[in-house]
């Protein structure tokens, strides 16, 4: 009796870690930088779309097609306005395995 063996590979979406901003207190019009790391352990990590969000709204989007896994550093410099007072800033990453914020 012949038998065929199959191996299943479960891939995962990347993770976002170490998200920081350069300062929590800035003057109107001053820039600050949102930074973080995309990490992953398999081929499913790239390409990935990185979105920087302000209050849940995308303010910048980048596509990363190459880099060194397990960690790729990303950042975006943003000029503040009065409307940014009290806003939440996040990084969202999407690839073929899913989306994480």
PDB file of N, CA and C in Angstrom:
ATOM      1  N   UNK A   1       0.847  -1.172   0.000  1.00  0.00           N
ATOM      2  CA  UNK A   1       0.000   0.000   0.000  1.00  0.00           C
ATOM      3  C   UNK A   1       0.892   1.234   0.000  1.00  0.00           C
ATOM      4  N   UNK A   2       0.710   2.087  -0.976  1.00  0.00           N
ATOM      5  CA  UNK A   2       1.480   3.327  -1.071  1.00  0.00           C
ATOM      6  C   UNK A   2       0.776   4.419  -0.288  1.00  0.00           C
ATOM      7  N   UNK A   3       1.553   5.303   0.297  1.00  0.00           N
ATOM      8  CA  UNK A   3       0.995   6.382   1.099  1.00  0.00           C
ATOM      9  C   UNK A   3       1.692   7.684   0.716  1.00  0.00           C
ATOM     10  N   UNK A   4       0.942   8.759   0.634  1.00  0.00           N
ATOM     11  CA  UNK A   4       1.499  10.087   0.375  1.00  0.00           C
ATOM     12  C   UNK A   4       1.413  10.897   1.657  1.00  0.00           C
ATOM     13  N   UNK A   5       2.487  11.515   2.021  1.00  0.00           N
ATOM     14  CA  UNK A   5       2.500  12.361   3.214  1.00  0.00           C
ATOM     15  C   UNK A   5       2.426  13.821   2.787  1.00  0.00           C
ATOM     16  N   UNK A   6       1.714  14.605   3.552  1.00  0.00           N
ATOM     17  CA  UNK A   6       1.579  16.027   3.290  1.00  0.00           C
ATOM     18  C   UNK A   6       1.954  16.794   4.541  1.00  0.00           C
ATOM     19  N   UNK A   7       2.619  17.908   4.332  1.00  0.00           N
ATOM     20  CA  UNK A   7       2.977  18.778   5.452  1.00  0.00           C
ATOM     21  C   UNK A   7       2.213  20.083   5.304  1.00  0.00           C
ATOM     22  N   UNK A   8       1.574  20.500   6.359  1.00  0.00           N
ATOM     23  CA  UNK A   8       0.838  21.744   6.365  1.00  0.00           C
ATOM     24  C   UNK A   8       1.696  22.826   6.998  1.00  0.00           C
ATOM     25  N   UNK A   9       1.767  23.965   6.341  1.00  0.00           N
ATOM     26  CA  UNK A   9       2.507  25.104   6.877  1.00  0.00           C
ATOM     27  C   UNK A   9       1.507  26.217   7.149  1.00  0.00           C
ATOM     28  N   UNK A  10       1.396  26.609   8.390  1.00  0.00           N
ATOM     29  CA  UNK A  10       0.499  27.694   8.777  1.00  0.00           C
ATOM     30  C   UNK A  10       1.335  28.958   8.907  1.00  0.00           C
ATOM     31  N   UNK A  11       1.026  29.933   8.086  1.00  0.00           N
ATOM     32  CA  UNK A  11       1.761  31.197   8.130  1.00  0.00           C
ATOM     33  C   UNK A  11       0.962  32.212   8.931  1.00  0.00           C
ATOM     34  N   UNK A  12       1.657  33.184   9.459  1.00  0.00           N
ATOM     35  CA  UNK A  12       1.041  34.164  10.337  1.00  0.00           C
ATOM     36  C   UNK A  12       1.213  35.571   9.796  1.00  0.00           C
ATOM     37  N   UNK A  13       0.291  36.470  10.170  1.00  0.00           N
ATOM     38  CA  UNK A  13       0.505  37.872   9.816  1.00  0.00           C
ATOM     39  C   UNK A  13       1.693  38.408  10.607  1.00  0.00           C
ATOM     40  N   UNK A  14       2.280  39.517  10.164  1.00  0.00           N
ATOM     41  CA  UNK A  14       3.381  40.111  10.924  1.00  0.00           C
ATOM     42  C   UNK A  14       2.847  40.694  12.230  1.00  0.00           C
ATOM     43  N   UNK A  15       3.735  41.093  13.089  1.00  0.00           N
ATOM     44  CA  UNK A  15       3.343  41.813  14.298  1.00  0.00           C
ATOM     45  C   UNK A  15       3.980  43.195  14.251  1.00  0.00           C
ATOM     46  N   UNK A  16       3.390  44.125  14.978  1.00  0.00           N
ATOM     47  CA  UNK A  16       3.925  45.472  15.101  1.00  0.00           C
ATOM     48  C   UNK A  16       4.333  45.644  16.557  1.00  0.00           C
ATOM     49  N   UNK A  17       5.557  46.082  16.778  1.00  0.00           N
ATOM     50  CA  UNK A  17       6.015  46.244  18.157  1.00  0.00           C
ATOM     51  C   UNK A  17       6.830  47.520  18.304  1.00  0.00           C
ATOM     52  N   UNK A  18       7.034  47.916  19.534  1.00  0.00           N
ATOM     53  CA  UNK A  18       7.889  49.061  19.837  1.00  0.00           C
ATOM     54  C   UNK A  18       7.416  50.368  19.238  1.00  0.00           C
ATOM     55  N   UNK A  19       6.085  50.561  19.136  1.00  0.00           N
ATOM     56  CA  UNK A  19       5.574  51.800  18.542  1.00  0.00           C
ATOM     57  C   UNK A  19       5.809  52.956  19.506  1.00  0.00           C
ATOM     58  N   UNK A  20       6.480  53.991  18.999  1.00  0.00           N
ATOM     59  CA  UNK A  20       6.770  55.177  19.805  1.00  0.00           C
ATOM     60  C   UNK A  20       6.544  56.434  18.969  1.00  0.00           C
ATOM     61  N   UNK A  21       6.392  57.555  19.644  1.00  0.00           N
ATOM     62  CA  UNK A  21       6.424  58.855  18.977  1.00  0.00           C
ATOM     63  C   UNK A  21       7.573  59.630  19.604  1.00  0.00           C
ATOM     64  N   UNK A  22       8.145  60.534  18.835  1.00  0.00           N
ATOM     65  CA  UNK A  22       9.349  61.232  19.284  1.00  0.00           C
ATOM     66  C   UNK A  22       9.088  62.150  20.475  1.00  0.00           C
ATOM     67  N   UNK A  23       7.856  62.634  20.644  1.00  0.00           N
ATOM     68  CA  UNK A  23       7.520  63.487  21.781  1.00  0.00           C
ATOM     69  C   UNK A  23       6.016  63.476  21.976  1.00  0.00           C
ATOM     70  N   UNK A  24       5.574  63.475  23.231  1.00  0.00           N
ATOM     71  CA  UNK A  24       4.135  63.539  23.487  1.00  0.00           C
ATOM     72  C   UNK A  24       3.650  64.974  23.618  1.00  0.00           C
ATOM     73  N   UNK A  25       4.577  65.929  23.689  1.00  0.00           N
ATOM     74  CA  UNK A  25       4.211  67.339  23.785  1.00  0.00           C
ATOM     75  C   UNK A  25       4.984  68.112  22.726  1.00  0.00           C
ATOM     76  N   UNK A  26       4.255  68.672  21.763  1.00  0.00           N
ATOM     77  CA  UNK A  26       4.881  69.470  20.708  1.00  0.00           C
ATOM     78  C   UNK A  26       4.052  70.715  20.463  1.00  0.00           C
ATOM     79  N   UNK A  27       4.659  71.717  19.866  1.00  0.00           N
ATOM     80  CA  UNK A  27       3.946  72.935  19.491  1.00  0.00           C
ATOM     81  C   UNK A  27       3.260  72.727  18.140  1.00  0.00           C
ATOM     82  N   UNK A  28       2.177  73.458  17.914  1.00  0.00           N
ATOM     83  CA  UNK A  28       1.458  73.388  16.646  1.00  0.00           C
ATOM     84  C   UNK A  28       2.418  73.622  15.486  1.00  0.00           C
ATOM     85  N   UNK A  29       2.360  72.740  14.502  1.00  0.00           N
ATOM     86  CA  UNK A  29       3.203  72.857  13.324  1.00  0.00           C
ATOM     87  C   UNK A  29       4.540  72.158  13.433  1.00  0.00           C
ATOM     88  N   UNK A  30       4.914  71.773  14.652  1.00  0.00           N
ATOM     89  CA  UNK A  30       6.182  71.066  14.839  1.00  0.00           C
ATOM     90  C   UNK A  30       6.042  69.611  14.387  1.00  0.00           C
ATOM     91  N   UNK A  31       7.097  69.067  13.814  1.00  0.00           N
ATOM     92  CA  UNK A  31       7.048  67.665  13.400  1.00  0.00           C
ATOM     93  C   UNK A  31       7.332  66.725  14.566  1.00  0.00           C
ATOM     94  N   UNK A  32       6.769  65.548  14.485  1.00  0.00           N
ATOM     95  CA  UNK A  32       7.194  64.471  15.360  1.00  0.00           C
ATOM     96  C   UNK A  32       7.186  63.199  14.533  1.00  0.00           C
ATOM     97  N   UNK A  33       7.838  62.172  15.025  1.00  0.00           N
ATOM     98  CA  UNK A  33       8.011  60.945  14.257  1.00  0.00           C
ATOM     99  C   UNK A  33       7.334  59.781  14.960  1.00  0.00           C
ATOM    100  N   UNK A  34       6.553  59.022  14.190  1.00  0.00           N
ATOM    101  CA  UNK A  34       5.944  57.786  14.666  1.00  0.00           C
ATOM    102  C   UNK A  34       6.853  56.660  14.177  1.00  0.00           C
ATOM    103  N   UNK A  35       7.295  55.783  15.085  1.00  0.00           N
ATOM    104  CA  UNK A  35       8.211  54.705  14.725  1.00  0.00           C
ATOM    105  C   UNK A  35       7.727  53.378  15.284  1.00  0.00           C
ATOM    106  N   UNK A  36       8.158  52.299  14.658  1.00  0.00           N
ATOM    107  CA  UNK A  36       7.847  50.969  15.160  1.00  0.00           C
ATOM    108  C   UNK A  36       8.607  49.925  14.374  1.00  0.00           C
ATOM    109  N   UNK A  37       8.410  48.668  14.752  1.00  0.00           N
ATOM    110  CA  UNK A  37       9.068  47.550  14.074  1.00  0.00           C
ATOM    111  C   UNK A  37       8.025  46.553  13.589  1.00  0.00           C
ATOM    112  N   UNK A  38       8.246  46.034  12.387  1.00  0.00           N
ATOM    113  CA  UNK A  38       7.434  44.944  11.849  1.00  0.00           C
ATOM    114  C   UNK A  38       8.256  43.687  12.046  1.00  0.00           C
ATOM    115  N   UNK A  39       7.668  42.704  12.682  1.00  0.00           N
ATOM    116  CA  UNK A  39       8.389  41.458  12.888  1.00  0.00           C
ATOM    117  C   UNK A  39       7.606  40.292  12.320  1.00  0.00           C
ATOM    118  N   UNK A  40       8.319  39.271  11.927  1.00  0.00           N
ATOM    119  CA  UNK A  40       7.704  38.070  11.389  1.00  0.00           C
ATOM    120  C   UNK A  40       8.741  36.989  11.244  1.00  0.00           C
ATOM    121  N   UNK A  41       8.282  35.769  11.042  1.00  0.00           N
ATOM    122  CA  UNK A  41       9.223  34.657  10.999  1.00  0.00           C
ATOM    123  C   UNK A  41       9.135  33.824   9.733  1.00  0.00           C
ATOM    124  N   UNK A  42       8.283  34.209   8.796  1.00  0.00           N
ATOM    125  CA  UNK A  42       8.145  33.361   7.611  1.00  0.00           C
ATOM    126  C   UNK A  42       7.962  34.183   6.344  1.00  0.00           C
ATOM    127  N   UNK A  43       7.870  33.504   5.225  1.00  0.00           N
ATOM    128  CA  UNK A  43       7.774  34.163   3.917  1.00  0.00           C
ATOM    129  C   UNK A  43       6.504  34.973   3.752  1.00  0.00           C
ATOM    130  N   UNK A  44       5.559  34.792   4.627  1.00  0.00           N
ATOM    131  CA  UNK A  44       4.297  35.518   4.533  1.00  0.00           C
ATOM    132  C   UNK A  44       4.438  36.981   4.961  1.00  0.00           C
ATOM    133  N   UNK A  45       5.568  37.343   5.538  1.00  0.00           N
ATOM    134  CA  UNK A  45       5.735  38.691   6.079  1.00  0.00           C
ATOM    135  C   UNK A  45       5.767  39.766   4.996  1.00  0.00           C
ATOM    136  N   UNK A  46       6.510  39.548   3.903  1.00  0.00           N
ATOM    137  CA  UNK A  46       6.637  40.563   2.853  1.00  0.00           C
ATOM    138  C   UNK A  46       6.084  40.038   1.536  1.00  0.00           C
ATOM    139  N   UNK A  47       5.545  40.894   0.695  1.00  0.00           N
ATOM    140  CA  UNK A  47       5.418  42.350   0.881  1.00  0.00           C
ATOM    141  C   UNK A  47       4.348  42.687   1.924  1.00  0.00           C
ATOM    142  N   UNK A  48       4.475  43.877   2.482  1.00  0.00           N
ATOM    143  CA  UNK A  48       3.520  44.337   3.486  1.00  0.00           C
ATOM    144  C   UNK A  48       3.223  45.812   3.254  1.00  0.00           C
ATOM    145  N   UNK A  49       1.989  46.192   3.537  1.00  0.00           N
ATOM    146  CA  UNK A  49       1.598  47.595   3.483  1.00  0.00           C
ATOM    147  C   UNK A  49       1.577  48.125   4.909  1.00  0.00           C
ATOM    148  N   UNK A  50       2.280  49.211   5.131  1.00  0.00           N
ATOM    149  CA  UNK A  50       2.348  49.846   6.446  1.00  0.00           C
ATOM    150  C   UNK A  50       1.556  51.143   6.377  1.00  0.00           C
ATOM    151  N   UNK A  51       0.600  51.292   7.284  1.00  0.00           N
ATOM    152  CA  UNK A  51      -0.199  52.507   7.341  1.00  0.00           C
ATOM    153  C   UNK A  51      -0.005  53.164   8.701  1.00  0.00           C
ATOM    154  N   UNK A  52       0.191  54.468   8.679  1.00  0.00           N
ATOM    155  CA  UNK A  52       0.282  55.258   9.902  1.00  0.00           C
ATOM    156  C   UNK A  52      -1.066  55.942  10.071  1.00  0.00           C
ATOM    157  N   UNK A  53      -1.667  55.771  11.260  1.00  0.00           N
ATOM    158  CA  UNK A  53      -3.013  56.268  11.505  1.00  0.00           C
ATOM    159  C   UNK A  53      -3.033  57.354  12.568  1.00  0.00           C
ATOM    160  N   UNK A  54      -3.914  58.301  12.384  1.00  0.00           N
ATOM    161  CA  UNK A  54      -4.198  59.356  13.360  1.00  0.00           C
ATOM    162  C   UNK A  54      -5.679  59.279  13.657  1.00  0.00           C
ATOM    163  N   UNK A  55      -6.036  58.905  14.876  1.00  0.00           N
ATOM    164  CA  UNK A  55      -7.450  58.792  15.231  1.00  0.00           C
ATOM    165  C   UNK A  55      -8.191  57.795  14.359  1.00  0.00           C
ATOM    166  N   UNK A  56      -7.505  56.746  13.897  1.00  0.00           N
ATOM    167  CA  UNK A  56      -8.122  55.718  13.072  1.00  0.00           C
ATOM    168  C   UNK A  56      -8.125  56.023  11.583  1.00  0.00           C
ATOM    169  N   UNK A  57      -7.658  57.205  11.183  1.00  0.00           N
ATOM    170  CA  UNK A  57      -7.621  57.611   9.780  1.00  0.00           C
ATOM    171  C   UNK A  57      -6.191  57.509   9.250  1.00  0.00           C
ATOM    172  N   UNK A  58      -6.029  56.942   8.070  1.00  0.00           N
ATOM    173  CA  UNK A  58      -4.701  56.784   7.465  1.00  0.00           C
ATOM    174  C   UNK A  58      -4.144  58.153   7.086  1.00  0.00           C
ATOM    175  N   UNK A  59      -2.924  58.445   7.577  1.00  0.00           N
ATOM    176  CA  UNK A  59      -2.260  59.702   7.219  1.00  0.00           C
ATOM    177  C   UNK A  59      -1.053  59.453   6.320  1.00  0.00           C
ATOM    178  N   UNK A  60      -0.617  58.188   6.225  1.00  0.00           N
ATOM    179  CA  UNK A  60       0.483  57.831   5.335  1.00  0.00           C
ATOM    180  C   UNK A  60       0.440  56.334   5.106  1.00  0.00           C
ATOM    181  N   UNK A  61       0.807  55.911   3.897  1.00  0.00           N
ATOM    182  CA  UNK A  61       0.832  54.490   3.570  1.00  0.00           C
ATOM    183  C   UNK A  61       2.107  54.186   2.787  1.00  0.00           C
ATOM    184  N   UNK A  62       2.763  53.083   3.132  1.00  0.00           N
ATOM    185  CA  UNK A  62       3.998  52.669   2.467  1.00  0.00           C
ATOM    186  C   UNK A  62       3.922  51.173   2.194  1.00  0.00           C
ATOM    187  N   UNK A  63       4.534  50.733   1.097  1.00  0.00           N
ATOM    188  CA  UNK A  63       4.631  49.309   0.817  1.00  0.00           C
ATOM    189  C   UNK A  63       6.085  48.891   0.964  1.00  0.00           C
ATOM    190  N   UNK A  64       6.306  47.848   1.747  1.00  0.00           N
ATOM    191  CA  UNK A  64       7.651  47.325   1.958  1.00  0.00           C
ATOM    192  C   UNK A  64       7.746  45.997   1.218  1.00  0.00           C
ATOM    193  N   UNK A  65       8.691  45.917   0.283  1.00  0.00           N
ATOM    194  CA  UNK A  65       8.840  44.698  -0.513  1.00  0.00           C
ATOM    195  C   UNK A  65      10.084  43.912  -0.154  1.00  0.00           C
ATOM    196  N   UNK A  66      11.015  44.531   0.563  1.00  0.00           N
ATOM    197  CA  UNK A  66      12.217  43.806   0.957  1.00  0.00           C
ATOM    198  C   UNK A  66      12.712  44.337   2.286  1.00  0.00           C
ATOM    199  N   UNK A  67      13.481  43.522   2.950  1.00  0.00           N
ATOM    200  CA  UNK A  67      14.031  43.906   4.233  1.00  0.00           C
ATOM    201  C   UNK A  67      14.570  42.676   4.919  1.00  0.00           C
ATOM    202  N   UNK A  68      15.126  42.887   6.083  1.00  0.00           N
ATOM    203  CA  UNK A  68      15.701  41.786   6.827  1.00  0.00           C
ATOM    204  C   UNK A  68      14.738  41.342   7.919  1.00  0.00           C
ATOM    205  N   UNK A  69      14.225  40.138   7.783  1.00  0.00           N
ATOM    206  CA  UNK A  69      13.366  39.567   8.807  1.00  0.00           C
ATOM    207  C   UNK A  69      14.315  38.947   9.841  1.00  0.00           C
ATOM    208  N   UNK A  70      14.100  39.061  11.129  1.00  0.00           N
ATOM    209  CA  UNK A  70      12.785  39.168  11.722  1.00  0.00           C
ATOM    210  C   UNK A  70      12.297  40.574  12.047  1.00  0.00           C
ATOM    211  N   UNK A  71      13.048  41.634  11.743  1.00  0.00           N
ATOM    212  CA  UNK A  71      12.569  42.952  12.138  1.00  0.00           C
ATOM    213  C   UNK A  71      12.899  44.005  11.095  1.00  0.00           C
ATOM    214  N   UNK A  72      11.886  44.789  10.740  1.00  0.00           N
ATOM    215  CA  UNK A  72      12.055  45.916   9.822  1.00  0.00           C
ATOM    216  C   UNK A  72      11.546  47.155  10.545  1.00  0.00           C
ATOM    217  N   UNK A  73      12.377  48.172  10.655  1.00  0.00           N
ATOM    218  CA  UNK A  73      11.973  49.407  11.320  1.00  0.00           C
ATOM    219  C   UNK A  73      11.296  50.330  10.322  1.00  0.00           C
ATOM    220  N   UNK A  74      10.197  50.943  10.760  1.00  0.00           N
ATOM    221  CA  UNK A  74       9.455  51.884   9.917  1.00  0.00           C
ATOM    222  C   UNK A  74       9.245  53.175  10.699  1.00  0.00           C
ATOM    223  N   UNK A  75       9.143  54.278   9.975  1.00  0.00           N
ATOM    224  CA  UNK A  75       8.854  55.549  10.643  1.00  0.00           C
ATOM    225  C   UNK A  75       8.217  56.518   9.659  1.00  0.00           C
ATOM    226  N   UNK A  76       7.532  57.506  10.227  1.00  0.00           N
ATOM    227  CA  UNK A  76       6.883  58.550   9.436  1.00  0.00           C
ATOM    228  C   UNK A  76       6.940  59.841  10.239  1.00  0.00           C
ATOM    229  N   UNK A  77       7.432  60.922   9.623  1.00  0.00           N
ATOM    230  CA  UNK A  77       7.457  62.236  10.271  1.00  0.00           C
ATOM    231  C   UNK A  77       6.174  62.978   9.921  1.00  0.00           C
ATOM    232  N   UNK A  78       5.558  63.562  10.914  1.00  0.00           N
ATOM    233  CA  UNK A  78       4.236  64.168  10.782  1.00  0.00           C
ATOM    234  C   UNK A  78       4.269  65.564  11.380  1.00  0.00           C
ATOM    235  N   UNK A  79       3.729  66.552  10.656  1.00  0.00           N
ATOM    236  CA  UNK A  79       3.632  67.913  11.177  1.00  0.00           C
ATOM    237  C   UNK A  79       2.300  68.077  11.895  1.00  0.00           C
ATOM    238  N   UNK A  80       2.345  68.528  13.129  1.00  0.00           N
ATOM    239  CA  UNK A  80       1.160  68.599  13.975  1.00  0.00           C
ATOM    240  C   UNK A  80       0.283  69.813  13.653  1.00  0.00           C
ATOM    241  N   UNK A  81      -0.970  69.705  14.080  1.00  0.00           N
ATOM    242  CA  UNK A  81      -1.912  70.823  14.010  1.00  0.00           C
ATOM    243  C   UNK A  81      -2.709  70.831  15.308  1.00  0.00           C
ATOM    244  N   UNK A  82      -3.506  71.869  15.525  1.00  0.00           N
ATOM    245  CA  UNK A  82      -4.333  71.959  16.730  1.00  0.00           C
ATOM    246  C   UNK A  82      -5.285  70.758  16.820  1.00  0.00           C
ATOM    247  N   UNK A  83      -5.734  70.247  15.682  1.00  0.00           N
ATOM    248  CA  UNK A  83      -6.662  69.110  15.654  1.00  0.00           C
ATOM    249  C   UNK A  83      -6.032  67.820  16.173  1.00  0.00           C
ATOM    250  N   UNK A  84      -4.709  67.784  16.312  1.00  0.00           N
ATOM    251  CA  UNK A  84      -4.031  66.579  16.802  1.00  0.00           C
ATOM    252  C   UNK A  84      -4.071  66.440  18.319  1.00  0.00           C
ATOM    253  N   UNK A  85      -4.505  67.488  19.023  1.00  0.00           N
ATOM    254  CA  UNK A  85      -4.539  67.432  20.476  1.00  0.00           C
ATOM    255  C   UNK A  85      -5.416  66.264  20.948  1.00  0.00           C
ATOM    256  N   UNK A  86      -4.835  65.355  21.715  1.00  0.00           N
ATOM    257  CA  UNK A  86      -5.580  64.218  22.256  1.00  0.00           C
ATOM    258  C   UNK A  86      -5.777  63.054  21.303  1.00  0.00           C
ATOM    259  N   UNK A  87      -5.225  63.131  20.101  1.00  0.00           N
ATOM    260  CA  UNK A  87      -5.396  62.055  19.119  1.00  0.00           C
ATOM    261  C   UNK A  87      -4.523  60.846  19.454  1.00  0.00           C
ATOM    262  N   UNK A  88      -4.957  59.682  18.979  1.00  0.00           N
ATOM    263  CA  UNK A  88      -4.199  58.443  19.106  1.00  0.00           C
ATOM    264  C   UNK A  88      -3.521  58.154  17.777  1.00  0.00           C
ATOM    265  N   UNK A  89      -2.244  57.804  17.830  1.00  0.00           N
ATOM    266  CA  UNK A  89      -1.482  57.454  16.634  1.00  0.00           C
ATOM    267  C   UNK A  89      -1.124  55.975  16.693  1.00  0.00           C
ATOM    268  N   UNK A  90      -1.284  55.273  15.546  1.00  0.00           N
ATOM    269  CA  UNK A  90      -1.035  53.844  15.487  1.00  0.00           C
ATOM    270  C   UNK A  90      -0.340  53.479  14.181  1.00  0.00           C
ATOM    271  N   UNK A  91       0.203  52.260  14.156  1.00  0.00           N
ATOM    272  CA  UNK A  91       0.765  51.693  12.930  1.00  0.00           C
ATOM    273  C   UNK A  91      -0.026  50.421  12.629  1.00  0.00           C
ATOM    274  N   UNK A  92      -0.496  50.302  11.380  1.00  0.00           N
ATOM    275  CA  UNK A  92      -1.228  49.113  10.921  1.00  0.00           C
ATOM    276  C   UNK A  92      -0.419  48.455   9.815  1.00  0.00           C
ATOM    277  N   UNK A  93      -0.285  47.128   9.879  1.00  0.00           N
ATOM    278  CA  UNK A  93       0.456  46.394   8.863  1.00  0.00           C
ATOM    279  C   UNK A  93      -0.461  45.334   8.258  1.00  0.00           C
ATOM    280  N   UNK A  94      -0.474  45.262   6.920  1.00  0.00           N
ATOM    281  CA  UNK A  94      -1.282  44.269   6.207  1.00  0.00           C
ATOM    282  C   UNK A  94      -0.388  43.506   5.250  1.00  0.00           C
ATOM    283  N   UNK A  95      -0.551  42.177   5.242  1.00  0.00           N
ATOM    284  CA  UNK A  95       0.114  41.353   4.242  1.00  0.00           C
ATOM    285  C   UNK A  95      -0.835  40.246   3.820  1.00  0.00           C
ATOM    286  N   UNK A  96      -0.363  39.282   3.075  1.00  0.00           N
ATOM    287  CA  UNK A  96      -1.254  38.247   2.549  1.00  0.00           C
ATOM    288  C   UNK A  96      -1.854  37.348   3.619  1.00  0.00           C
ATOM    289  N   UNK A  97      -1.351  37.426   4.845  1.00  0.00           N
ATOM    290  CA  UNK A  97      -1.873  36.599   5.935  1.00  0.00           C
ATOM    291  C   UNK A  97      -2.784  37.352   6.894  1.00  0.00           C
ATOM    292  N   UNK A  98      -2.936  38.667   6.724  1.00  0.00           N
ATOM    293  CA  UNK A  98      -3.834  39.402   7.604  1.00  0.00           C
ATOM    294  C   UNK A  98      -3.390  40.804   7.901  1.00  0.00           C
ATOM    295  N   UNK A  99      -4.112  41.430   8.827  1.00  0.00           N
ATOM    296  CA  UNK A  99      -3.864  42.808   9.225  1.00  0.00           C
ATOM    297  C   UNK A  99      -3.717  42.875  10.736  1.00  0.00           C
ATOM    298  N   UNK A 100      -2.732  43.635  11.217  1.00  0.00           N
ATOM    299  CA  UNK A 100      -2.553  43.875  12.638  1.00  0.00           C
ATOM    300  C   UNK A 100      -2.322  45.360  12.868  1.00  0.00           C
ATOM    301  N   UNK A 101      -2.766  45.834  14.024  1.00  0.00           N
ATOM    302  CA  UNK A 101      -2.568  47.229  14.427  1.00  0.00           C
ATOM    303  C   UNK A 101      -1.874  47.248  15.769  1.00  0.00           C
TER     304      UNK A 101
END
